[in-house]
């Protein structure tokens, strides 16, 4: 069967072109506080009806809003949220870097900074500990959120409805025999994370790997990242867990303070 021509190929071309037009329109709001339909059409080189369809589609998703009086469109809350999330990710990585190094030196273990990507997390930075036997750098690694301490710390910051959207089925995939395989068990553990103010994982993401993690909050108390200490599982006993939690929590608070977080938004589980 030929791969050229036909309605399916035309449909794919139309979809890609529509995405390109939508992205160009969103980028145009950097230079234009607001746009009318005709102005949008001229910017894109398309018919006004095409520009109108694009704008109304983006309006339905919250990426643009329309002024009822002028009928002009401007950037909407969804677009602002995406921009802020990107800035936050850049800021938290920049601010946290020296604290990762300090925490790695203090604990002599590998430290990682993770952010949420839906039902997965990604480590955006990591500093290896100085010991010969240590966990390798996690930078760039993406893993299921429910199978790691960092992921649980991030998930604990979400509401029940948000969690249900991420986990619509009751059974969860397992990376190891120790991974959480039930949504009910996960939600129960997240309640414990909220109560204690930290999360742990022992051989849930990989054999021989354990970790302790604390959430990093923004000025509104939302968890935007997780600071994790990753250790060989045989080195994580209850006493060591307590010491690592204290050290990690202290560094997380310093990161929050430098990010401009409110000092009166404590981690759950902190003493009054």
Protein backbone atom coordinates (compact mmCIF):
# COMPACT_ATOMS: atom_id res chain seq x y z
CA UNK A 1 0.00 0.00 0.00
CA UNK A 2 1.37 3.40 -0.94
CA UNK A 3 2.28 5.77 1.90
CA UNK A 4 1.52 8.86 -0.22
CA UNK A 5 -1.81 10.55 -0.78
CA UNK A 6 -5.22 9.39 0.37
CA UNK A 7 -7.46 10.66 3.15
CA UNK A 8 -5.34 9.22 5.96
CA UNK A 9 -2.18 11.00 4.79
CA UNK A 10 -4.16 14.20 4.27
CA UNK A 11 -5.58 13.89 7.77
CA UNK A 12 -2.12 13.49 9.28
CA UNK A 13 -0.90 16.55 7.36
CA UNK A 14 -3.88 18.58 8.55
CA UNK A 15 -3.29 17.58 12.18
CA UNK A 16 0.38 18.50 12.08
CA UNK A 17 -0.42 21.80 10.35
CA UNK A 18 -3.08 22.60 12.95
CA UNK A 19 -0.65 21.95 15.78
CA UNK A 20 1.92 24.17 14.10
CA UNK A 21 -0.64 26.95 13.70
CA UNK A 22 -1.76 26.63 17.31
CA UNK A 23 1.81 26.78 18.60
CA UNK A 24 2.58 29.80 16.44
CA UNK A 25 -0.50 31.56 17.76
CA UNK A 26 0.47 30.86 21.36
CA UNK A 27 3.98 32.16 20.68
CA UNK A 28 2.50 35.31 19.16
CA UNK A 29 1.11 36.33 22.56
CA UNK A 30 4.71 37.08 23.59
CA UNK A 31 4.60 40.14 21.33
CA UNK A 32 0.86 40.87 21.26
CA UNK A 33 -1.15 41.41 24.47
CA UNK A 34 -4.28 40.43 22.55
CA UNK A 35 -5.27 39.32 19.06
CA UNK A 36 -8.43 39.57 16.98
CA UNK A 37 -9.47 36.74 14.69
CA UNK A 38 -8.45 38.65 11.57
CA UNK A 39 -5.07 39.57 13.04
CA UNK A 40 -4.49 35.93 13.93
CA UNK A 41 -5.40 34.86 10.41
CA UNK A 42 -2.92 37.35 8.94
CA UNK A 43 -0.14 36.16 11.25
CA UNK A 44 -0.70 32.55 10.21
CA UNK A 45 -1.54 33.20 6.57
CA UNK A 46 -4.85 31.35 6.83
CA UNK A 47 -8.52 32.17 6.36
CA UNK A 48 -10.29 33.94 9.26
CA UNK A 49 -12.55 30.90 9.68
CA UNK A 50 -9.50 28.70 10.27
CA UNK A 51 -8.06 31.14 12.80
CA UNK A 52 -11.43 31.31 14.55
CA UNK A 53 -11.58 27.51 14.87
CA UNK A 54 -8.07 27.42 16.32
CA UNK A 55 -8.82 30.17 18.83
CA UNK A 56 -12.10 28.64 19.99
CA UNK A 57 -10.39 25.26 20.39
CA UNK A 58 -7.65 26.80 22.50
CA UNK A 59 -10.24 28.77 24.44
CA UNK A 60 -12.07 25.54 25.36
CA UNK A 61 -8.81 24.22 26.88
CA UNK A 62 -8.06 27.44 28.73
CA UNK A 63 -5.01 28.41 26.68
CA UNK A 64 -6.66 31.64 25.55
CA UNK A 65 -9.55 33.76 26.83
CA UNK A 66 -11.81 36.13 24.93
CA UNK A 67 -12.88 39.58 26.03
CA UNK A 68 -16.69 39.65 25.53
CA UNK A 69 -16.64 43.38 24.78
CA UNK A 70 -13.77 43.60 22.27
CA UNK A 71 -13.96 39.98 21.04
CA UNK A 72 -10.15 39.91 21.21
CA UNK A 73 -8.21 36.94 22.56
CA UNK A 74 -5.39 36.95 25.10
CA UNK A 75 -3.35 34.29 26.92
CA UNK A 76 -5.41 32.13 29.28
CA UNK A 77 -4.80 30.43 32.62
CA UNK A 78 -3.62 27.13 31.09
CA UNK A 79 -0.90 28.89 29.10
CA UNK A 80 0.18 30.86 32.17
CA UNK A 81 0.26 27.63 34.22
CA UNK A 82 2.52 25.94 31.65
CA UNK A 83 4.87 28.92 31.65
CA UNK A 84 4.99 29.05 35.44
CA UNK A 85 5.61 25.30 35.69
CA UNK A 86 8.54 25.60 33.28
CA UNK A 87 9.98 28.51 35.24
CA UNK A 88 9.54 26.64 38.50
CA UNK A 89 11.39 23.63 37.12
CA UNK A 90 14.27 25.83 36.00
CA UNK A 91 14.31 27.70 39.32
CA UNK A 92 14.14 24.64 41.55
CA UNK A 93 16.96 22.95 39.65
CA UNK A 94 19.17 26.04 39.84
CA UNK A 95 18.45 26.74 43.50
CA UNK A 96 18.69 23.13 44.61
CA UNK A 97 22.03 22.30 42.99
CA UNK A 98 24.34 23.45 45.83
CA UNK A 99 22.02 21.82 48.38
CA UNK A 100 22.26 18.50 46.54
CA UNK A 101 26.04 18.69 46.79
CA UNK A 102 25.89 19.63 50.47
CA UNK A 103 23.43 16.84 51.29
CA UNK A 104 25.52 14.28 49.40
CA UNK A 105 28.59 15.34 51.38
CA UNK A 106 26.69 15.27 54.68
CA UNK A 107 25.06 11.87 54.18
CA UNK A 108 27.84 10.37 52.02
CA UNK A 109 25.08 9.04 49.78
CA UNK A 110 23.77 9.87 46.32
CA UNK A 111 21.15 12.62 46.24
CA UNK A 112 18.61 13.32 43.52
CA UNK A 113 16.07 16.01 42.61
CA UNK A 114 12.91 14.74 40.91
CA UNK A 115 9.88 16.36 39.32
CA UNK A 116 6.53 14.94 38.33
CA UNK A 117 5.62 13.84 34.80
CA UNK A 118 2.12 12.52 35.44
CA UNK A 119 2.29 8.98 36.76
CA UNK A 120 6.07 8.97 36.35
CA UNK A 121 8.86 11.07 37.79
CA UNK A 122 12.09 12.28 36.26
CA UNK A 123 15.30 13.06 38.10
CA UNK A 124 16.45 16.41 36.74
CA UNK A 125 19.66 16.49 38.77
CA UNK A 126 21.73 14.19 40.94
CA UNK A 127 24.99 14.22 42.89
CA UNK A 128 26.75 10.97 43.71
CA UNK A 129 27.94 10.30 47.25
CA UNK A 130 31.66 9.95 48.01
CA UNK A 131 31.63 6.33 49.22
CA UNK A 132 33.07 3.65 46.95
CA UNK A 133 29.86 1.60 47.21
CA UNK A 134 27.14 4.04 46.19
CA UNK A 135 24.09 4.49 44.01
CA UNK A 136 24.90 5.81 40.56
CA UNK A 137 23.65 9.22 39.40
CA UNK A 138 19.94 9.31 38.67
CA UNK A 139 20.01 12.35 36.35
CA UNK A 140 17.61 11.88 33.43
CA UNK A 141 16.12 8.66 34.80
CA UNK A 142 12.34 8.32 34.50
CA UNK A 143 10.49 5.77 36.66
CA UNK A 144 6.91 5.09 37.82
CA UNK A 145 6.03 7.46 40.64
CA UNK A 146 4.43 4.78 42.82
CA UNK A 147 7.63 2.72 42.94
CA UNK A 148 9.97 5.34 44.42
CA UNK A 149 10.24 7.49 47.53
CA UNK A 150 10.58 10.64 45.43
CA UNK A 151 7.47 9.70 43.47
CA UNK A 152 5.46 9.07 46.62
CA UNK A 153 6.56 12.44 48.03
CA UNK A 154 5.29 14.10 44.85
CA UNK A 155 2.06 12.08 44.70
CA UNK A 156 1.31 12.90 48.35
CA UNK A 157 0.92 16.53 47.32
CA UNK A 158 -2.01 15.71 45.01
CA UNK A 159 -5.69 15.58 45.84
CA UNK A 160 -7.83 12.45 45.62
CA UNK A 161 -9.40 13.36 42.26
CA UNK A 162 -6.00 14.07 40.72
CA UNK A 163 -4.72 10.72 41.95
CA UNK A 164 -7.70 8.91 40.47
CA UNK A 165 -7.00 10.51 37.09
CA UNK A 166 -3.41 9.28 37.25
CA UNK A 167 -4.43 5.80 38.46
CA UNK A 168 -7.82 4.94 36.90
CA UNK A 169 -7.38 1.20 37.48
CA UNK A 170 -6.97 -0.64 40.77
CA UNK A 171 -3.90 -2.68 39.75
CA UNK A 172 -0.50 -1.03 39.32
CA UNK A 173 2.54 -2.26 37.40
CA UNK A 174 5.37 -3.70 39.45
CA UNK A 175 9.07 -3.15 38.76
CA UNK A 176 10.15 -5.61 41.47
CA UNK A 177 8.37 -8.06 43.81
CA UNK A 178 8.50 -5.28 46.45
CA UNK A 179 6.72 -2.68 44.30
CA UNK A 180 3.24 -1.51 45.26
CA UNK A 181 0.79 -3.32 43.01
CA UNK A 182 -2.52 -2.00 44.32
CA UNK A 183 -4.05 1.48 44.10
CA UNK A 184 -5.62 0.99 47.53
CA UNK A 185 -2.25 0.21 49.09
CA UNK A 186 -0.68 3.18 47.32
CA UNK A 187 -3.34 5.59 48.57
CA UNK A 188 -2.92 4.26 52.12
CA UNK A 189 0.83 4.77 51.90
CA UNK A 190 0.36 8.30 50.58
CA UNK A 191 -1.74 9.10 53.63
CA UNK A 192 1.17 7.95 55.78
CA UNK A 193 3.55 10.13 53.75
CA UNK A 194 1.34 13.18 54.37
CA UNK A 195 1.18 12.39 58.07
CA UNK A 196 4.91 11.73 58.52
CA UNK A 197 6.23 14.32 56.10
CA UNK A 198 8.53 11.95 54.21
CA UNK A 199 8.46 8.88 51.97
CA UNK A 200 10.59 5.74 51.81
CA UNK A 201 11.16 3.01 49.27
CA UNK A 202 13.05 -0.25 49.80
CA UNK A 203 13.80 -2.27 46.65
CA UNK A 204 10.56 -1.06 45.02
CA UNK A 205 12.16 0.49 41.94
CA UNK A 206 15.24 -1.74 41.68
CA UNK A 207 16.76 -4.64 43.66
CA UNK A 208 19.23 -3.48 46.28
CA UNK A 209 18.13 0.17 46.11
CA UNK A 210 16.45 2.11 48.93
CA UNK A 211 15.61 5.79 49.25
CA UNK A 212 14.19 8.48 51.49
CA UNK A 213 12.49 11.57 50.04
CA UNK A 214 10.89 14.83 51.12
CA UNK A 215 8.68 17.11 49.03
CA UNK A 216 9.68 20.67 48.12
CA UNK A 217 6.78 23.12 48.17
CA UNK A 218 6.15 26.44 46.43
CA UNK A 219 4.66 29.59 47.93
CA UNK A 220 1.19 28.11 47.71
CA UNK A 221 2.17 24.90 49.47
CA UNK A 222 2.07 22.77 46.31
CA UNK A 223 4.71 20.07 46.04
CA UNK A 224 6.73 20.92 42.92
CA UNK A 225 9.76 18.64 43.38
CA UNK A 226 11.17 15.96 45.64
CA UNK A 227 14.57 15.74 47.26
CA UNK A 228 15.72 12.14 47.66
CA UNK A 229 18.67 10.35 49.25
CA UNK A 230 19.37 7.03 47.50
CA UNK A 231 21.29 4.32 49.33
CA UNK A 232 22.18 0.64 49.01
CA UNK A 233 19.31 -1.17 50.74
CA UNK A 234 21.53 -2.86 53.32
CA UNK A 235 22.55 0.57 54.67
CA UNK A 236 18.99 1.78 55.41
CA UNK A 237 17.91 0.73 58.90
CA UNK A 238 15.35 2.64 61.05
CA UNK A 239 18.04 4.70 62.82
CA UNK A 240 19.68 5.68 59.51
CA UNK A 241 16.28 6.49 58.04
CA UNK A 242 15.60 8.97 60.84
CA UNK A 243 18.96 10.69 60.35
CA UNK A 244 18.50 10.90 56.58
CA UNK A 245 14.99 12.31 56.95
CA UNK A 246 16.23 15.08 59.26
CA UNK A 247 19.06 16.01 56.91
CA UNK A 248 16.86 15.88 53.80
CA UNK A 249 14.06 17.86 55.41
CA UNK A 250 16.49 20.56 56.49
CA UNK A 251 17.84 20.94 52.96
CA UNK A 252 14.32 20.93 51.46
CA UNK A 253 13.34 23.81 53.75
CA UNK A 254 16.37 25.80 52.68
CA UNK A 255 15.50 25.25 49.03
CA UNK A 256 11.92 26.36 49.71
CA UNK A 257 13.14 29.49 51.46
CA UNK A 258 15.39 30.39 48.53
CA UNK A 259 12.53 29.78 46.11
CA UNK A 260 10.46 32.26 48.08
CA UNK A 261 8.25 29.72 49.81
CA UNK A 262 6.29 30.92 52.81
CA UNK A 263 7.99 29.97 56.08
CA UNK A 264 4.62 29.26 57.66
CA UNK A 265 3.88 26.34 55.29
CA UNK A 266 5.53 23.44 57.22
CA UNK A 267 6.04 19.89 56.00
CA UNK A 268 3.43 17.56 57.34
CA UNK A 269 4.81 15.70 60.32
CA UNK A 270 6.96 18.61 61.51
CA UNK A 271 6.64 19.46 65.19
CA UNK A 272 4.82 22.68 65.98
